[in-house]
Amino acid sequence: MKLDQIARQLELTDLTPELKSGDREATAGFASDLLSDVLAHASAGSLLVTVQVHLNVIAVAVHADLAGVIFAAGRSPEEPVRAKAVAEGVPLFASTLPAFDLAGRLYAMGVRGV
């Protein structure tokens, strides 16, 4: 599913609009706050749902070749983290919804886990 379609349906805030990444495809979903779990189990092209907002999330997203990251529960990274995501080409989104609700809604939209 395309990121712009997901963002629209979930009313996500696009934190990296300069990437113009709406046509990027999320091939799966993955929800975790344990970054080692993401590295070990998320497939390339996955869309990560997390409440972690630090710089390591971007490093993991790049290393795991994630389609993007959704920050849940009203969390949002500080500017240096956002800027690093732009530099690395990692689309970031934010939602006020809890991670559990986001995962459920993504599933209902047809985005499945690995």
PDB file of N, CA and C in Angstrom:
ATOM      1  N   MET A   1       0.845  -1.172   0.000  1.00  0.00           N
ATOM      2  CA  MET A   1       0.000   0.000   0.000  1.00  0.00           C
ATOM      3  C   MET A   1       0.900   1.247   0.000  1.00  0.00           C
ATOM      4  N   LYS A   2       0.520   2.236  -0.739  1.00  0.00           N
ATOM      5  CA  LYS A   2       1.303   3.478  -0.848  1.00  0.00           C
ATOM      6  C   LYS A   2       1.251   4.283   0.460  1.00  0.00           C
ATOM      7  N   LEU A   3       2.377   4.913   0.785  1.00  0.00           N
ATOM      8  CA  LEU A   3       2.450   5.697   2.021  1.00  0.00           C
ATOM      9  C   LEU A   3       1.462   6.848   2.040  1.00  0.00           C
ATOM     10  N   ASP A   4       1.234   7.501   0.893  1.00  0.00           N
ATOM     11  CA  ASP A   4       0.293   8.624   0.892  1.00  0.00           C
ATOM     12  C   ASP A   4      -1.127   8.153   1.184  1.00  0.00           C
ATOM     13  N   GLN A   5      -1.478   6.982   0.709  1.00  0.00           N
ATOM     14  CA  GLN A   5      -2.791   6.409   0.979  1.00  0.00           C
ATOM     15  C   GLN A   5      -2.942   6.077   2.477  1.00  0.00           C
ATOM     16  N   ILE A   6      -1.906   5.494   3.046  1.00  0.00           N
ATOM     17  CA  ILE A   6      -1.915   5.183   4.478  1.00  0.00           C
ATOM     18  C   ILE A   6      -2.024   6.468   5.290  1.00  0.00           C
ATOM     19  N   ALA A   7      -1.218   7.450   4.949  1.00  0.00           N
ATOM     20  CA  ALA A   7      -1.214   8.720   5.685  1.00  0.00           C
ATOM     21  C   ALA A   7      -2.570   9.406   5.634  1.00  0.00           C
ATOM     22  N   ARG A   8      -3.185   9.373   4.477  1.00  0.00           N
ATOM     23  CA  ARG A   8      -4.512   9.984   4.322  1.00  0.00           C
ATOM     24  C   ARG A   8      -5.560   9.266   5.164  1.00  0.00           C
ATOM     25  N   GLN A   9      -5.612   7.951   5.043  1.00  0.00           N
ATOM     26  CA  GLN A   9      -6.641   7.179   5.739  1.00  0.00           C
ATOM     27  C   GLN A   9      -6.480   7.215   7.260  1.00  0.00           C
ATOM     28  N   LEU A  10      -5.245   7.282   7.733  1.00  0.00           N
ATOM     29  CA  LEU A  10      -5.000   7.309   9.179  1.00  0.00           C
ATOM     30  C   LEU A  10      -4.849   8.728   9.722  1.00  0.00           C
ATOM     31  N   GLU A  11      -4.966   9.724   8.833  1.00  0.00           N
ATOM     32  CA  GLU A  11      -4.823  11.131   9.208  1.00  0.00           C
ATOM     33  C   GLU A  11      -3.492  11.377   9.926  1.00  0.00           C
ATOM     34  N   LEU A  12      -2.424  10.866   9.324  1.00  0.00           N
ATOM     35  CA  LEU A  12      -1.085  11.020   9.881  1.00  0.00           C
ATOM     36  C   LEU A  12      -0.518  12.388   9.523  1.00  0.00           C
ATOM     37  N   THR A  13       0.337  12.891  10.372  1.00  0.00           N
ATOM     38  CA  THR A  13       1.087  14.100  10.084  1.00  0.00           C
ATOM     39  C   THR A  13       2.379  13.694   9.393  1.00  0.00           C
ATOM     40  N   ASP A  14       2.623  14.234   8.217  1.00  0.00           N
ATOM     41  CA  ASP A  14       3.854  13.953   7.483  1.00  0.00           C
ATOM     42  C   ASP A  14       4.953  14.844   8.054  1.00  0.00           C
ATOM     43  N   LEU A  15       5.928  14.221   8.710  1.00  0.00           N
ATOM     44  CA  LEU A  15       7.018  14.973   9.342  1.00  0.00           C
ATOM     45  C   LEU A  15       8.168  15.243   8.381  1.00  0.00           C
ATOM     46  N   THR A  16       8.146  14.602   7.218  1.00  0.00           N
ATOM     47  CA  THR A  16       9.218  14.769   6.231  1.00  0.00           C
ATOM     48  C   THR A  16       8.629  15.052   4.843  1.00  0.00           C
ATOM     49  N   PRO A  17       7.833  16.115   4.721  1.00  0.00           N
ATOM     50  CA  PRO A  17       7.174  16.378   3.430  1.00  0.00           C
ATOM     51  C   PRO A  17       8.153  16.646   2.295  1.00  0.00           C
ATOM     52  N   GLU A  18       9.345  17.097   2.634  1.00  0.00           N
ATOM     53  CA  GLU A  18      10.315  17.385   1.579  1.00  0.00           C
ATOM     54  C   GLU A  18      10.785  16.129   0.850  1.00  0.00           C
ATOM     55  N   LEU A  19      10.531  14.946   1.419  1.00  0.00           N
ATOM     56  CA  LEU A  19      10.921  13.704   0.748  1.00  0.00           C
ATOM     57  C   LEU A  19       9.973  13.319  -0.374  1.00  0.00           C
ATOM     58  N   LYS A  20       8.746  13.861  -0.352  1.00  0.00           N
ATOM     59  CA  LYS A  20       7.759  13.528  -1.380  1.00  0.00           C
ATOM     60  C   LYS A  20       7.724  12.015  -1.602  1.00  0.00           C
ATOM     61  N   SER A  21       7.523  11.284  -0.502  1.00  0.00           N
ATOM     62  CA  SER A  21       7.628   9.826  -0.507  1.00  0.00           C
ATOM     63  C   SER A  21       6.286   9.119  -0.621  1.00  0.00           C
ATOM     64  N   GLY A  22       5.244   9.836  -0.998  1.00  0.00           N
ATOM     65  CA  GLY A  22       3.905   9.264  -1.043  1.00  0.00           C
ATOM     66  C   GLY A  22       3.758   8.052  -1.933  1.00  0.00           C
ATOM     67  N   ASP A  23       4.556   7.967  -2.995  1.00  0.00           N
ATOM     68  CA  ASP A  23       4.457   6.833  -3.901  1.00  0.00           C
ATOM     69  C   ASP A  23       5.205   5.606  -3.391  1.00  0.00           C
ATOM     70  N   ARG A  24       5.955   5.777  -2.317  1.00  0.00           N
ATOM     71  CA  ARG A  24       6.689   4.636  -1.755  1.00  0.00           C
ATOM     72  C   ARG A  24       5.694   3.608  -1.239  1.00  0.00           C
ATOM     73  N   GLU A  25       6.013   2.350  -1.458  1.00  0.00           N
ATOM     74  CA  GLU A  25       5.137   1.242  -1.088  1.00  0.00           C
ATOM     75  C   GLU A  25       5.554   0.636   0.254  1.00  0.00           C
ATOM     76  N   ALA A  26       4.584   0.471   1.142  1.00  0.00           N
ATOM     77  CA  ALA A  26       4.804  -0.285   2.378  1.00  0.00           C
ATOM     78  C   ALA A  26       4.326  -1.701   2.095  1.00  0.00           C
ATOM     79  N   THR A  27       5.239  -2.651   2.118  1.00  0.00           N
ATOM     80  CA  THR A  27       4.901  -4.032   1.778  1.00  0.00           C
ATOM     81  C   THR A  27       4.464  -4.848   2.986  1.00  0.00           C
ATOM     82  N   ALA A  28       4.678  -4.315   4.178  1.00  0.00           N
ATOM     83  CA  ALA A  28       4.285  -4.996   5.415  1.00  0.00           C
ATOM     84  C   ALA A  28       4.262  -3.965   6.532  1.00  0.00           C
ATOM     85  N   GLY A  29       3.778  -4.393   7.673  1.00  0.00           N
ATOM     86  CA  GLY A  29       3.791  -3.544   8.853  1.00  0.00           C
ATOM     87  C   GLY A  29       4.552  -4.230   9.967  1.00  0.00           C
ATOM     88  N   PHE A  30       5.093  -3.426  10.874  1.00  0.00           N
ATOM     89  CA  PHE A  30       5.824  -3.975  12.018  1.00  0.00           C
ATOM     90  C   PHE A  30       5.676  -2.995  13.163  1.00  0.00           C
ATOM     91  N   ALA A  31       5.309  -3.479  14.334  1.00  0.00           N
ATOM     92  CA  ALA A  31       5.153  -2.627  15.511  1.00  0.00           C
ATOM     93  C   ALA A  31       6.059  -3.127  16.623  1.00  0.00           C
ATOM     94  N   SER A  32       6.967  -2.265  17.058  1.00  0.00           N
ATOM     95  CA  SER A  32       7.864  -2.632  18.156  1.00  0.00           C
ATOM     96  C   SER A  32       8.573  -1.384  18.656  1.00  0.00           C
ATOM     97  N   ASP A  33       8.888  -1.410  19.946  1.00  0.00           N
ATOM     98  CA  ASP A  33       9.702  -0.353  20.538  1.00  0.00           C
ATOM     99  C   ASP A  33      11.097  -0.868  20.868  1.00  0.00           C
ATOM    100  N   LEU A  34      11.316  -2.131  20.624  1.00  0.00           N
ATOM    101  CA  LEU A  34      12.618  -2.755  20.847  1.00  0.00           C
ATOM    102  C   LEU A  34      13.343  -2.797  19.504  1.00  0.00           C
ATOM    103  N   LEU A  35      14.315  -1.920  19.335  1.00  0.00           N
ATOM    104  CA  LEU A  35      14.939  -1.754  18.021  1.00  0.00           C
ATOM    105  C   LEU A  35      15.704  -2.991  17.575  1.00  0.00           C
ATOM    106  N   SER A  36      16.238  -3.767  18.506  1.00  0.00           N
ATOM    107  CA  SER A  36      16.900  -5.016  18.118  1.00  0.00           C
ATOM    108  C   SER A  36      15.883  -5.992  17.524  1.00  0.00           C
ATOM    109  N   ASP A  37      14.651  -5.942  17.996  1.00  0.00           N
ATOM    110  CA  ASP A  37      13.572  -6.760  17.452  1.00  0.00           C
ATOM    111  C   ASP A  37      13.269  -6.337  16.011  1.00  0.00           C
ATOM    112  N   VAL A  38      13.270  -5.042  15.771  1.00  0.00           N
ATOM    113  CA  VAL A  38      13.039  -4.526  14.423  1.00  0.00           C
ATOM    114  C   VAL A  38      14.143  -5.016  13.492  1.00  0.00           C
ATOM    115  N   LEU A  39      15.389  -4.894  13.934  1.00  0.00           N
ATOM    116  CA  LEU A  39      16.515  -5.345  13.104  1.00  0.00           C
ATOM    117  C   LEU A  39      16.440  -6.833  12.809  1.00  0.00           C
ATOM    118  N   ALA A  40      16.018  -7.610  13.789  1.00  0.00           N
ATOM    119  CA  ALA A  40      15.994  -9.065  13.629  1.00  0.00           C
ATOM    120  C   ALA A  40      14.808  -9.570  12.829  1.00  0.00           C
ATOM    121  N   HIS A  41      13.670  -8.844  12.877  1.00  0.00           N
ATOM    122  CA  HIS A  41      12.456  -9.437  12.336  1.00  0.00           C
ATOM    123  C   HIS A  41      11.689  -8.619  11.291  1.00  0.00           C
ATOM    124  N   ALA A  42      11.914  -7.331  11.189  1.00  0.00           N
ATOM    125  CA  ALA A  42      11.181  -6.538  10.194  1.00  0.00           C
ATOM    126  C   ALA A  42      11.743  -6.805   8.805  1.00  0.00           C
ATOM    127  N   SER A  43      10.864  -6.961   7.854  1.00  0.00           N
ATOM    128  CA  SER A  43      11.327  -7.184   6.484  1.00  0.00           C
ATOM    129  C   SER A  43      11.533  -5.834   5.787  1.00  0.00           C
ATOM    130  N   ALA A  44      12.370  -5.844   4.781  1.00  0.00           N
ATOM    131  CA  ALA A  44      12.578  -4.643   3.971  1.00  0.00           C
ATOM    132  C   ALA A  44      11.231  -4.210   3.409  1.00  0.00           C
ATOM    133  N   GLY A  45      10.998  -2.914   3.424  1.00  0.00           N
ATOM    134  CA  GLY A  45       9.740  -2.378   2.925  1.00  0.00           C
ATOM    135  C   GLY A  45       8.651  -2.267   3.975  1.00  0.00           C
ATOM    136  N   SER A  46       8.953  -2.692   5.210  1.00  0.00           N
ATOM    137  CA  SER A  46       7.960  -2.604   6.288  1.00  0.00           C
ATOM    138  C   SER A  46       7.783  -1.163   6.756  1.00  0.00           C
ATOM    139  N   LEU A  47       6.605  -0.892   7.273  1.00  0.00           N
ATOM    140  CA  LEU A  47       6.290   0.390   7.897  1.00  0.00           C
ATOM    141  C   LEU A  47       6.296   0.155   9.398  1.00  0.00           C
ATOM    142  N   LEU A  48       7.188   0.830  10.112  1.00  0.00           N
ATOM    143  CA  LEU A  48       7.353   0.639  11.544  1.00  0.00           C
ATOM    144  C   LEU A  48       6.438   1.561  12.332  1.00  0.00           C
ATOM    145  N   VAL A  49       5.752   1.010  13.324  1.00  0.00           N
ATOM    146  CA  VAL A  49       4.974   1.783  14.292  1.00  0.00           C
ATOM    147  C   VAL A  49       5.721   1.693  15.619  1.00  0.00           C
ATOM    148  N   THR A  50       6.055   2.842  16.206  1.00  0.00           N
ATOM    149  CA  THR A  50       6.830   2.867  17.442  1.00  0.00           C
ATOM    150  C   THR A  50       6.550   4.137  18.227  1.00  0.00           C
ATOM    151  N   VAL A  51       6.919   4.129  19.506  1.00  0.00           N
ATOM    152  CA  VAL A  51       6.873   5.357  20.306  1.00  0.00           C
ATOM    153  C   VAL A  51       8.286   5.889  20.549  1.00  0.00           C
ATOM    154  N   GLN A  52       9.291   5.165  20.094  1.00  0.00           N
ATOM    155  CA  GLN A  52      10.677   5.617  20.230  1.00  0.00           C
ATOM    156  C   GLN A  52      10.920   6.769  19.247  1.00  0.00           C
ATOM    157  N   VAL A  53      11.521   7.849  19.710  1.00  0.00           N
ATOM    158  CA  VAL A  53      11.709   9.020  18.841  1.00  0.00           C
ATOM    159  C   VAL A  53      13.164   9.476  18.749  1.00  0.00           C
ATOM    160  N   HIS A  54      14.094   8.624  19.120  1.00  0.00           N
ATOM    161  CA  HIS A  54      15.495   9.030  19.124  1.00  0.00           C
ATOM    162  C   HIS A  54      16.200   8.669  17.813  1.00  0.00           C
ATOM    163  N   LEU A  55      17.426   9.102  17.700  1.00  0.00           N
ATOM    164  CA  LEU A  55      18.202   8.967  16.466  1.00  0.00           C
ATOM    165  C   LEU A  55      18.406   7.514  16.041  1.00  0.00           C
ATOM    166  N   ASN A  56      18.461   6.594  16.992  1.00  0.00           N
ATOM    167  CA  ASN A  56      18.677   5.194  16.640  1.00  0.00           C
ATOM    168  C   ASN A  56      17.539   4.627  15.787  1.00  0.00           C
ATOM    169  N   VAL A  57      16.344   5.189  15.904  1.00  0.00           N
ATOM    170  CA  VAL A  57      15.227   4.730  15.081  1.00  0.00           C
ATOM    171  C   VAL A  57      15.550   4.948  13.608  1.00  0.00           C
ATOM    172  N   ILE A  58      16.180   6.051  13.301  1.00  0.00           N
ATOM    173  CA  ILE A  58      16.532   6.355  11.907  1.00  0.00           C
ATOM    174  C   ILE A  58      17.608   5.395  11.423  1.00  0.00           C
ATOM    175  N   ALA A  59      18.603   5.147  12.252  1.00  0.00           N
ATOM    176  CA  ALA A  59      19.668   4.204  11.884  1.00  0.00           C
ATOM    177  C   ALA A  59      19.095   2.814  11.614  1.00  0.00           C
ATOM    178  N   VAL A  60      18.177   2.371  12.450  1.00  0.00           N
ATOM    179  CA  VAL A  60      17.549   1.068  12.268  1.00  0.00           C
ATOM    180  C   VAL A  60      16.702   1.061  11.000  1.00  0.00           C
ATOM    181  N   ALA A  61      15.972   2.130  10.756  1.00  0.00           N
ATOM    182  CA  ALA A  61      15.142   2.213   9.554  1.00  0.00           C
ATOM    183  C   ALA A  61      15.991   2.108   8.289  1.00  0.00           C
ATOM    184  N   VAL A  62      17.137   2.757   8.295  1.00  0.00           N
ATOM    185  CA  VAL A  62      18.039   2.700   7.144  1.00  0.00           C
ATOM    186  C   VAL A  62      18.601   1.288   7.001  1.00  0.00           C
ATOM    187  N   HIS A  63      19.113   0.748   8.104  1.00  0.00           N
ATOM    188  CA  HIS A  63      19.738  -0.577   8.062  1.00  0.00           C
ATOM    189  C   HIS A  63      18.743  -1.669   7.646  1.00  0.00           C
ATOM    190  N   ALA A  64      17.506  -1.574   8.133  1.00  0.00           N
ATOM    191  CA  ALA A  64      16.484  -2.580   7.833  1.00  0.00           C
ATOM    192  C   ALA A  64      15.741  -2.286   6.528  1.00  0.00           C
ATOM    193  N   ASP A  65      16.072  -1.167   5.889  1.00  0.00           N
ATOM    194  CA  ASP A  65      15.433  -0.757   4.631  1.00  0.00           C
ATOM    195  C   ASP A  65      13.911  -0.656   4.777  1.00  0.00           C
ATOM    196  N   LEU A  66      13.487   0.042   5.838  1.00  0.00           N
ATOM    197  CA  LEU A  66      12.063   0.219   6.100  1.00  0.00           C
ATOM    198  C   LEU A  66      11.461   1.237   5.137  1.00  0.00           C
ATOM    199  N   ALA A  67      10.173   1.089   4.859  1.00  0.00           N
ATOM    200  CA  ALA A  67       9.468   2.037   3.993  1.00  0.00           C
ATOM    201  C   ALA A  67       9.273   3.369   4.697  1.00  0.00           C
ATOM    202  N   GLY A  68       9.158   3.336   6.018  1.00  0.00           N
ATOM    203  CA  GLY A  68       8.950   4.545   6.793  1.00  0.00           C
ATOM    204  C   GLY A  68       8.661   4.209   8.240  1.00  0.00           C
ATOM    205  N   VAL A  69       8.444   5.261   9.029  1.00  0.00           N
ATOM    206  CA  VAL A  69       8.204   5.120  10.462  1.00  0.00           C
ATOM    207  C   VAL A  69       7.005   5.975  10.845  1.00  0.00           C
ATOM    208  N   ILE A  70       6.111   5.389  11.638  1.00  0.00           N
ATOM    209  CA  ILE A  70       5.004   6.139  12.233  1.00  0.00           C
ATOM    210  C   ILE A  70       5.259   6.215  13.735  1.00  0.00           C
ATOM    211  N   PHE A  71       5.334   7.426  14.251  1.00  0.00           N
ATOM    212  CA  PHE A  71       5.461   7.633  15.691  1.00  0.00           C
ATOM    213  C   PHE A  71       4.064   7.717  16.282  1.00  0.00           C
ATOM    214  N   ALA A  72       3.792   6.857  17.245  1.00  0.00           N
ATOM    215  CA  ALA A  72       2.458   6.739  17.832  1.00  0.00           C
ATOM    216  C   ALA A  72       2.324   7.561  19.108  1.00  0.00           C
ATOM    217  N   ALA A  73       1.098   7.638  19.591  1.00  0.00           N
ATOM    218  CA  ALA A  73       0.774   8.204  20.911  1.00  0.00           C
ATOM    219  C   ALA A  73       1.173   9.673  21.058  1.00  0.00           C
ATOM    220  N   GLY A  74       1.106  10.414  19.967  1.00  0.00           N
ATOM    221  CA  GLY A  74       1.419  11.834  20.029  1.00  0.00           C
ATOM    222  C   GLY A  74       2.900  12.149  20.131  1.00  0.00           C
ATOM    223  N   ARG A  75       3.730  11.150  19.944  1.00  0.00           N
ATOM    224  CA  ARG A  75       5.185  11.360  20.013  1.00  0.00           C
ATOM    225  C   ARG A  75       5.692  11.914  18.693  1.00  0.00           C
ATOM    226  N   SER A  76       6.739  12.721  18.789  1.00  0.00           N
ATOM    227  CA  SER A  76       7.335  13.306  17.605  1.00  0.00           C
ATOM    228  C   SER A  76       8.814  13.548  17.881  1.00  0.00           C
ATOM    229  N   PRO A  77       9.681  13.240  16.947  1.00  0.00           N
ATOM    230  CA  PRO A  77      11.119  13.422  17.183  1.00  0.00           C
ATOM    231  C   PRO A  77      11.518  14.893  17.165  1.00  0.00           C
ATOM    232  N   GLU A  78      12.639  15.165  17.791  1.00  0.00           N
ATOM    233  CA  GLU A  78      13.200  16.517  17.751  1.00  0.00           C
ATOM    234  C   GLU A  78      13.804  16.762  16.369  1.00  0.00           C
ATOM    235  N   GLU A  79      14.073  18.006  16.075  1.00  0.00           N
ATOM    236  CA  GLU A  79      14.532  18.411  14.751  1.00  0.00           C
ATOM    237  C   GLU A  79      15.791  17.676  14.273  1.00  0.00           C
ATOM    238  N   PRO A  80      16.807  17.465  15.101  1.00  0.00           N
ATOM    239  CA  PRO A  80      17.983  16.729  14.588  1.00  0.00           C
ATOM    240  C   PRO A  80      17.648  15.315  14.090  1.00  0.00           C
ATOM    241  N   VAL A  81      16.708  14.664  14.733  1.00  0.00           N
ATOM    242  CA  VAL A  81      16.287  13.324  14.306  1.00  0.00           C
ATOM    243  C   VAL A  81      15.522  13.424  12.991  1.00  0.00           C
ATOM    244  N   ARG A  82      14.631  14.384  12.898  1.00  0.00           N
ATOM    245  CA  ARG A  82      13.873  14.596  11.673  1.00  0.00           C
ATOM    246  C   ARG A  82      14.810  14.929  10.514  1.00  0.00           C
ATOM    247  N   ALA A  83      15.781  15.793  10.765  1.00  0.00           N
ATOM    248  CA  ALA A  83      16.738  16.186   9.722  1.00  0.00           C
ATOM    249  C   ALA A  83      17.566  14.992   9.254  1.00  0.00           C
ATOM    250  N   LYS A  84      17.957  14.130  10.169  1.00  0.00           N
ATOM    251  CA  LYS A  84      18.712  12.925   9.796  1.00  0.00           C
ATOM    252  C   LYS A  84      17.843  12.010   8.939  1.00  0.00           C
ATOM    253  N   ALA A  85      16.569  11.907   9.262  1.00  0.00           N
ATOM    254  CA  ALA A  85      15.655  11.090   8.468  1.00  0.00           C
ATOM    255  C   ALA A  85      15.571  11.629   7.038  1.00  0.00           C
ATOM    256  N   VAL A  86      15.479  12.925   6.898  1.00  0.00           N
ATOM    257  CA  VAL A  86      15.440  13.541   5.567  1.00  0.00           C
ATOM    258  C   VAL A  86      16.741  13.230   4.823  1.00  0.00           C
ATOM    259  N   ALA A  87      17.866  13.407   5.491  1.00  0.00           N
ATOM    260  CA  ALA A  87      19.158  13.145   4.861  1.00  0.00           C
ATOM    261  C   ALA A  87      19.297  11.694   4.414  1.00  0.00           C
ATOM    262  N   GLU A  88      18.696  10.788   5.170  1.00  0.00           N
ATOM    263  CA  GLU A  88      18.787   9.361   4.856  1.00  0.00           C
ATOM    264  C   GLU A  88      17.628   8.869   3.987  1.00  0.00           C
ATOM    265  N   GLY A  89      16.649   9.738   3.735  1.00  0.00           N
ATOM    266  CA  GLY A  89      15.520   9.362   2.892  1.00  0.00           C
ATOM    267  C   GLY A  89      14.490   8.485   3.583  1.00  0.00           C
ATOM    268  N   VAL A  90      14.328   8.653   4.897  1.00  0.00           N
ATOM    269  CA  VAL A  90      13.375   7.852   5.668  1.00  0.00           C
ATOM    270  C   VAL A  90      12.126   8.686   5.961  1.00  0.00           C
ATOM    271  N   PRO A  91      10.997   8.333   5.370  1.00  0.00           N
ATOM    272  CA  PRO A  91       9.755   9.070   5.640  1.00  0.00           C
ATOM    273  C   PRO A  91       9.289   8.862   7.081  1.00  0.00           C
ATOM    274  N   LEU A  92       8.926   9.958   7.723  1.00  0.00           N
ATOM    275  CA  LEU A  92       8.431   9.914   9.100  1.00  0.00           C
ATOM    276  C   LEU A  92       7.020  10.473   9.156  1.00  0.00           C
ATOM    277  N   PHE A  93       6.200   9.842   9.976  1.00  0.00           N
ATOM    278  CA  PHE A  93       4.825  10.277  10.194  1.00  0.00           C
ATOM    279  C   PHE A  93       4.535  10.251  11.683  1.00  0.00           C
ATOM    280  N   ALA A  94       3.545  11.016  12.101  1.00  0.00           N
ATOM    281  CA  ALA A  94       3.146  11.045  13.506  1.00  0.00           C
ATOM    282  C   ALA A  94       1.638  10.886  13.607  1.00  0.00           C
ATOM    283  N   SER A  95       1.223  10.277  14.732  1.00  0.00           N
ATOM    284  CA  SER A  95      -0.193  10.079  15.003  1.00  0.00           C
ATOM    285  C   SER A  95      -0.445  10.248  16.492  1.00  0.00           C
ATOM    286  N   THR A  96      -1.630  10.709  16.828  1.00  0.00           N
ATOM    287  CA  THR A  96      -2.018  10.796  18.231  1.00  0.00           C
ATOM    288  C   THR A  96      -2.544   9.454  18.737  1.00  0.00           C
ATOM    289  N   LEU A  97      -2.815   8.532  17.819  1.00  0.00           N
ATOM    290  CA  LEU A  97      -3.347   7.230  18.210  1.00  0.00           C
ATOM    291  C   LEU A  97      -2.285   6.380  18.914  1.00  0.00           C
ATOM    292  N   PRO A  98      -2.718   5.525  19.845  1.00  0.00           N
ATOM    293  CA  PRO A  98      -1.780   4.572  20.453  1.00  0.00           C
ATOM    294  C   PRO A  98      -1.280   3.575  19.400  1.00  0.00           C
ATOM    295  N   ALA A  99      -0.122   2.986  19.653  1.00  0.00           N
ATOM    296  CA  ALA A  99       0.463   2.029  18.715  1.00  0.00           C
ATOM    297  C   ALA A  99      -0.479   0.864  18.434  1.00  0.00           C
ATOM    298  N   PHE A 100      -1.176   0.386  19.453  1.00  0.00           N
ATOM    299  CA  PHE A 100      -2.101  -0.730  19.285  1.00  0.00           C
ATOM    300  C   PHE A 100      -3.200  -0.382  18.286  1.00  0.00           C
ATOM    301  N   ASP A 101      -3.763   0.801  18.417  1.00  0.00           N
ATOM    302  CA  ASP A 101      -4.816   1.238  17.499  1.00  0.00           C
ATOM    303  C   ASP A 101      -4.278   1.401  16.081  1.00  0.00           C
ATOM    304  N   LEU A 102      -3.096   1.968  15.947  1.00  0.00           N
ATOM    305  CA  LEU A 102      -2.498   2.125  14.614  1.00  0.00           C
ATOM    306  C   LEU A 102      -2.280   0.768  13.951  1.00  0.00           C
ATOM    307  N   ALA A 103      -1.748  -0.178  14.709  1.00  0.00           N
ATOM    308  CA  ALA A 103      -1.510  -1.510  14.158  1.00  0.00           C
ATOM    309  C   ALA A 103      -2.827  -2.139  13.700  1.00  0.00           C
ATOM    310  N   GLY A 104      -3.856  -1.997  14.498  1.00  0.00           N
ATOM    311  CA  GLY A 104      -5.161  -2.546  14.138  1.00  0.00           C
ATOM    312  C   GLY A 104      -5.734  -1.902  12.895  1.00  0.00           C
ATOM    313  N   ARG A 105      -5.600  -0.609  12.794  1.00  0.00           N
ATOM    314  CA  ARG A 105      -6.123   0.089  11.619  1.00  0.00           C
ATOM    315  C   ARG A 105      -5.323  -0.248  10.357  1.00  0.00           C
ATOM    316  N   LEU A 106      -4.009  -0.366  10.506  1.00  0.00           N
ATOM    317  CA  LEU A 106      -3.196  -0.784   9.364  1.00  0.00           C
ATOM    318  C   LEU A 106      -3.603  -2.178   8.898  1.00  0.00           C
ATOM    319  N   TYR A 107      -3.830  -3.069   9.838  1.00  0.00           N
ATOM    320  CA  TYR A 107      -4.255  -4.425   9.506  1.00  0.00           C
ATOM    321  C   TYR A 107      -5.594  -4.407   8.772  1.00  0.00           C
ATOM    322  N   ALA A 108      -6.505  -3.605   9.271  1.00  0.00           N
ATOM    323  CA  ALA A 108      -7.827  -3.495   8.643  1.00  0.00           C
ATOM    324  C   ALA A 108      -7.734  -2.928   7.229  1.00  0.00           C
ATOM    325  N   MET A 109      -6.690  -2.139   6.968  1.00  0.00           N
ATOM    326  CA  MET A 109      -6.470  -1.574   5.633  1.00  0.00           C
ATOM    327  C   MET A 109      -5.788  -2.566   4.695  1.00  0.00           C
ATOM    328  N   GLY A 110      -5.379  -3.698   5.223  1.00  0.00           N
ATOM    329  CA  GLY A 110      -4.721  -4.710   4.387  1.00  0.00           C
ATOM    330  C   GLY A 110      -3.232  -4.792   4.546  1.00  0.00           C
ATOM    331  N   VAL A 111      -2.648  -3.982   5.432  1.00  0.00           N
ATOM    332  CA  VAL A 111      -1.214  -4.047   5.688  1.00  0.00           C
ATOM    333  C   VAL A 111      -0.988  -5.169   6.702  1.00  0.00           C
ATOM    334  N   ARG A 112      -0.253  -6.170   6.326  1.00  0.00           N
ATOM    335  CA  ARG A 112      -0.023  -7.341   7.175  1.00  0.00           C
ATOM    336  C   ARG A 112       1.392  -7.367   7.704  1.00  0.00           C
ATOM    337  N   GLY A 113       1.609  -8.153   8.738  1.00  0.00           N
ATOM    338  CA  GLY A 113       2.933  -8.347   9.301  1.00  0.00           C
ATOM    339  C   GLY A 113       3.775  -9.230   8.398  1.00  0.00           C
ATOM    340  N   VAL A 114       4.974  -9.423   8.815  1.00  0.00           N
ATOM    341  CA  VAL A 114       5.933 -10.208   8.045  1.00  0.00           C
ATOM    342  C   VAL A 114       5.503 -11.657   7.997  1.00  0.00           C
TER     343      VAL A 114
END
